[in-house]
Amino acid sequence: MAEIAFAKSFLSALDPKPVKLRADYVLPPEQVDLRGPYLLPRLPPSHPPMPKKTKSTTAPGSSKSITIHLKSTRNPSLEFTLPTAPLTTTSVEDLKDAVRERVVDASGNNVSVEKIKILYKRKPVSGKTVAEVLAGADDGLLGGGKEVEFGVMIMGGATVVEPPVSRTGTGTEEKGGGEGEVTAKPVVGPSGEDVLETEAFWDDLQGFLMQRVKDVEEAKRLRGLFKGAWSSGR
């Protein structure tokens, strides 16, 4: 009976209250008995992130060719050109091999590849193709048909051995050991018989002979033989 009496009194207390709450009704905070944290409803799942645009490794015009100038301003003083070098297949190692074919060390042997450094914009590059090295350039070099210069640095120095060039007036042409061609330059300094009177000429001759005969003593002997024959014929 007590429960029925409680229910009647509770309903009597609710009877004078409006059935619906006004739109501007605000419940006083002190009358709210929060027994647990109020959780906001879950938001709908957001759209998946758009895939990032990755830069294509195959640059436009990468199948084209470019003219490469290799230049060393220090010991040795070397400069030559590789015309129509494919951008995607010509690697930095190929450039090192081209330099290696044109120089010898103090003993007349080929310079080790590890001692040859290829520079682009004064920074060493290795293990890449020419297209990858030029990928960040803003000069449109990857379009092909243009020219680019790479620096050369040989650790410990070396002696230049120029490959044979074409003979004028014979109608025949002899190519050097490596691909490319030697850039023709105007003669600077002594020429003719004045060159033969310099020790630098005979040092270069001895370096050439050492590369050919593979014998240091024999190269020295031939140097003395050639120099003596030239001196006696003056």
Protein backbone atom coordinates (compact mmCIF):
# COMPACT_ATOMS: atom_id res chain seq x y z
CA MET A 1 0.00 0.00 0.00
CA ALA A 2 2.89 2.30 0.73
CA GLU A 3 4.10 1.97 -2.84
CA ILE A 4 0.71 2.86 -4.24
CA ALA A 5 0.50 5.90 -1.99
CA PHE A 6 3.96 7.03 -3.13
CA ALA A 7 3.01 6.65 -6.76
CA LYS A 8 -0.15 8.69 -6.29
CA SER A 9 1.69 11.48 -4.51
CA PHE A 10 4.37 11.52 -7.22
CA LEU A 11 1.80 11.77 -9.98
CA SER A 12 0.02 14.53 -8.09
CA ALA A 13 3.27 16.47 -7.95
CA LEU A 14 3.76 16.07 -11.70
CA ASP A 15 0.20 16.99 -12.58
CA PRO A 16 0.61 20.82 -12.33
CA LYS A 17 3.73 20.78 -14.47
CA PRO A 18 3.39 21.35 -18.23
CA VAL A 19 3.39 18.27 -20.37
CA LYS A 20 5.92 19.75 -22.82
CA LEU A 21 8.90 21.93 -22.03
CA ARG A 22 9.20 25.35 -23.56
CA ALA A 23 11.75 25.91 -26.32
CA ASP A 24 13.68 28.26 -24.07
CA TYR A 25 13.57 26.02 -21.05
CA VAL A 26 16.84 25.75 -19.18
CA LEU A 27 17.36 23.29 -16.37
CA PRO A 28 19.31 24.83 -13.47
CA PRO A 29 22.73 23.16 -13.24
CA GLU A 30 22.45 22.66 -9.48
CA GLN A 31 19.41 20.43 -10.03
CA VAL A 32 21.21 18.13 -12.41
CA ASP A 33 22.61 14.99 -10.82
CA LEU A 34 25.25 13.75 -13.28
CA ARG A 35 26.13 10.21 -12.40
CA GLY A 36 28.58 9.76 -15.25
CA PRO A 37 30.46 11.70 -17.92
CA TYR A 38 28.43 13.02 -20.76
CA LEU A 39 29.67 11.56 -24.04
CA LEU A 40 29.21 13.34 -27.31
CA PRO A 41 27.84 11.30 -30.16
CA ARG A 42 30.38 9.83 -32.50
CA LEU A 43 31.11 11.79 -35.62
CA PRO A 44 30.60 10.10 -38.96
CA PRO A 45 33.79 8.70 -40.48
CA SER A 46 35.75 11.33 -42.39
CA HIS A 47 36.65 10.96 -46.01
CA PRO A 48 39.83 8.98 -46.64
CA PRO A 49 42.86 11.18 -47.38
CA MET A 50 43.60 11.79 -51.00
CA PRO A 51 46.63 9.86 -52.27
CA LYS A 52 49.72 12.00 -52.50
CA LYS A 53 51.00 12.81 -55.92
CA THR A 54 54.37 11.14 -56.28
CA LYS A 55 56.91 12.57 -58.65
CA SER A 56 57.45 10.30 -61.58
CA THR A 57 60.96 8.86 -61.75
CA THR A 58 60.77 8.85 -65.52
CA ALA A 59 61.18 12.46 -66.49
CA PRO A 60 59.79 13.84 -69.74
CA GLY A 61 62.26 13.48 -72.54
CA SER A 62 64.37 11.06 -70.50
CA SER A 63 64.85 8.89 -73.57
CA LYS A 64 66.65 11.74 -75.30
CA SER A 65 70.36 12.51 -75.35
CA ILE A 66 72.50 15.34 -74.08
CA THR A 67 76.01 16.63 -74.70
CA ILE A 68 78.24 16.22 -71.61
CA HIS A 69 81.38 18.29 -71.06
CA LEU A 70 83.83 16.84 -68.51
CA LYS A 71 86.37 19.30 -67.17
CA SER A 72 89.16 19.16 -64.60
CA THR A 73 90.86 22.45 -63.79
CA ARG A 74 93.41 20.98 -61.37
CA ASN A 75 96.02 18.26 -61.74
CA PRO A 76 95.51 16.99 -64.35
CA SER A 77 94.16 19.73 -66.61
CA LEU A 78 91.66 17.74 -68.65
CA GLU A 79 88.64 18.64 -70.76
CA PHE A 80 86.72 16.57 -73.28
CA THR A 81 83.17 16.08 -74.55
CA LEU A 82 80.79 13.12 -74.75
CA PRO A 83 78.26 13.94 -77.50
CA THR A 84 74.74 12.47 -77.62
CA ALA A 85 74.94 10.66 -74.27
CA PRO A 86 71.58 8.97 -73.40
CA LEU A 87 70.12 10.50 -70.25
CA THR A 88 68.66 7.33 -68.71
CA THR A 89 71.40 4.86 -69.59
CA THR A 90 74.52 6.97 -69.04
CA SER A 91 75.59 6.59 -65.42
CA VAL A 92 78.15 8.38 -63.29
CA GLU A 93 80.31 5.25 -63.51
CA ASP A 94 80.33 5.61 -67.30
CA LEU A 95 81.66 9.15 -66.89
CA LYS A 96 84.38 7.86 -64.56
CA ASP A 97 85.36 5.20 -67.11
CA ALA A 98 85.63 7.85 -69.82
CA VAL A 99 87.97 9.88 -67.60
CA ARG A 100 89.95 6.77 -66.63
CA GLU A 101 90.71 5.99 -70.28
CA ARG A 102 92.39 9.38 -70.69
CA VAL A 103 94.68 9.52 -67.65
CA VAL A 104 97.42 7.44 -66.03
CA ASP A 105 99.05 7.62 -62.61
CA ALA A 106 102.72 8.31 -61.86
CA SER A 107 103.60 4.67 -62.62
CA GLY A 108 101.89 4.72 -66.00
CA ASN A 109 98.99 2.55 -64.84
CA ASN A 110 95.30 3.30 -65.12
CA VAL A 111 93.92 5.38 -62.27
CA SER A 112 91.62 3.53 -59.85
CA VAL A 113 87.93 4.33 -60.30
CA GLU A 114 87.64 5.07 -56.57
CA LYS A 115 90.05 8.00 -56.98
CA ILE A 116 87.95 9.66 -59.69
CA LYS A 117 85.21 11.99 -58.46
CA ILE A 118 82.49 13.44 -60.71
CA LEU A 119 81.11 16.80 -59.59
CA TYR A 120 77.91 18.58 -60.54
CA LYS A 121 77.57 22.15 -59.34
CA ARG A 122 80.70 21.57 -57.21
CA LYS A 123 79.11 18.65 -55.36
CA PRO A 124 80.22 15.01 -55.83
CA VAL A 125 77.68 12.61 -57.31
CA SER A 126 77.82 8.83 -57.54
CA GLY A 127 75.70 5.76 -58.19
CA LYS A 128 73.15 7.59 -60.32
CA THR A 129 72.26 8.08 -63.93
CA VAL A 130 72.65 11.45 -65.60
CA ALA A 131 68.85 11.83 -65.65
CA GLU A 132 68.67 11.36 -61.86
CA VAL A 133 71.48 13.85 -61.28
CA LEU A 134 69.77 16.48 -63.44
CA ALA A 135 66.26 15.77 -62.09
CA GLY A 136 66.35 18.83 -59.82
CA ALA A 137 67.70 21.19 -62.46
CA ASP A 138 65.45 24.01 -63.66
CA ASP A 139 67.19 24.49 -67.00
CA GLY A 140 65.09 22.04 -68.98
CA LEU A 141 68.09 19.75 -69.41
CA LEU A 142 65.92 16.63 -69.27
CA GLY A 143 64.31 17.65 -72.54
CA GLY A 144 67.48 16.57 -74.35
CA GLY A 145 69.44 18.32 -77.05
CA LYS A 146 71.30 20.60 -74.63
CA GLU A 147 74.73 20.72 -73.02
CA VAL A 148 75.78 20.23 -69.41
CA GLU A 149 79.17 20.41 -67.67
CA PHE A 150 80.43 18.00 -65.01
CA GLY A 151 83.54 18.63 -62.98
CA VAL A 152 86.29 16.03 -62.55
CA MET A 153 88.57 15.58 -59.55
CA ILE A 154 91.25 12.88 -59.37
CA MET A 155 92.63 12.14 -55.93
CA GLY A 156 96.43 12.16 -55.97
CA GLY A 157 96.66 13.69 -59.45
CA ALA A 158 97.35 12.00 -62.76
CA THR A 159 98.89 12.51 -66.21
CA VAL A 160 96.70 13.11 -69.24
CA VAL A 161 97.07 10.72 -72.17
CA GLU A 162 95.17 12.20 -75.09
CA PRO A 163 93.50 9.67 -77.41
CA PRO A 164 94.41 9.84 -81.13
CA VAL A 165 92.46 12.44 -83.07
CA SER A 166 91.51 12.54 -86.74
CA ARG A 167 94.32 13.12 -89.24
CA THR A 168 93.76 16.05 -91.52
CA GLY A 169 94.31 15.58 -95.24
CA THR A 170 94.37 11.74 -95.19
CA GLY A 171 90.66 11.09 -95.38
CA THR A 172 90.89 8.62 -92.49
CA GLU A 173 89.97 9.00 -88.82
CA GLU A 174 91.25 7.15 -85.77
CA LYS A 175 89.13 7.08 -82.62
CA GLY A 176 90.48 7.06 -79.07
CA GLY A 177 90.07 4.26 -76.55
CA GLY A 178 86.96 5.85 -75.00
CA GLU A 179 83.79 7.16 -76.48
CA GLY A 180 83.53 10.89 -77.12
CA GLU A 181 85.72 13.38 -78.82
CA VAL A 182 88.45 15.76 -77.72
CA THR A 183 87.39 19.38 -77.77
CA ALA A 184 89.67 21.35 -80.10
CA LYS A 185 91.12 24.49 -78.54
CA PRO A 186 93.35 27.25 -79.82
CA VAL A 187 97.04 26.78 -79.10
CA VAL A 188 98.18 28.68 -76.03
CA GLY A 189 101.85 28.98 -75.04
CA PRO A 190 104.94 27.69 -76.87
CA SER A 191 104.49 25.77 -80.09
CA GLY A 192 106.59 24.04 -82.71
CA GLU A 193 110.23 23.38 -81.83
CA ASP A 194 109.90 25.44 -78.65
CA VAL A 195 107.66 22.71 -77.20
CA LEU A 196 110.35 20.06 -77.78
CA GLU A 197 112.78 22.05 -75.68
CA THR A 198 110.54 21.78 -72.60
CA GLU A 199 110.78 18.90 -70.13
CA ALA A 200 106.98 18.79 -69.94
CA PHE A 201 106.87 17.47 -73.51
CA TRP A 202 109.28 14.63 -72.77
CA ASP A 203 107.42 13.84 -69.52
CA ASP A 204 104.18 13.55 -71.47
CA LEU A 205 105.92 11.40 -74.05
CA GLN A 206 107.26 9.11 -71.34
CA GLY A 207 103.78 8.79 -69.82
CA PHE A 208 102.37 7.83 -73.20
CA LEU A 209 105.10 5.25 -73.73
CA MET A 210 104.53 3.78 -70.26
CA GLN A 211 100.88 3.25 -71.06
CA ARG A 212 101.71 1.53 -74.34
CA VAL A 213 104.68 -0.66 -73.39
CA LYS A 214 103.60 -1.28 -69.77
CA ASP A 215 107.21 -0.97 -68.61
CA VAL A 216 108.62 2.04 -66.74
CA GLU A 217 112.29 1.32 -67.52
CA GLU A 218 111.62 0.70 -71.19
CA ALA A 219 109.63 3.95 -71.38
CA LYS A 220 112.57 5.86 -69.87
CA ARG A 221 114.97 4.23 -72.35
CA LEU A 222 112.75 5.13 -75.32
CA ARG A 223 112.42 8.67 -74.04
CA GLY A 224 116.18 9.06 -73.97
CA LEU A 225 116.47 7.47 -77.42
CA PHE A 226 113.90 9.81 -78.98
CA LYS A 227 115.34 12.86 -77.24
CA GLY A 228 118.85 11.98 -78.31
CA ALA A 229 117.78 11.47 -81.92
CA TRP A 230 116.01 14.81 -81.93
CA SER A 231 119.01 16.61 -80.37
CA SER A 232 121.46 15.11 -82.89
CA GLY A 233 119.25 16.07 -85.82
CA ARG A 234 119.05 19.75 -84.94
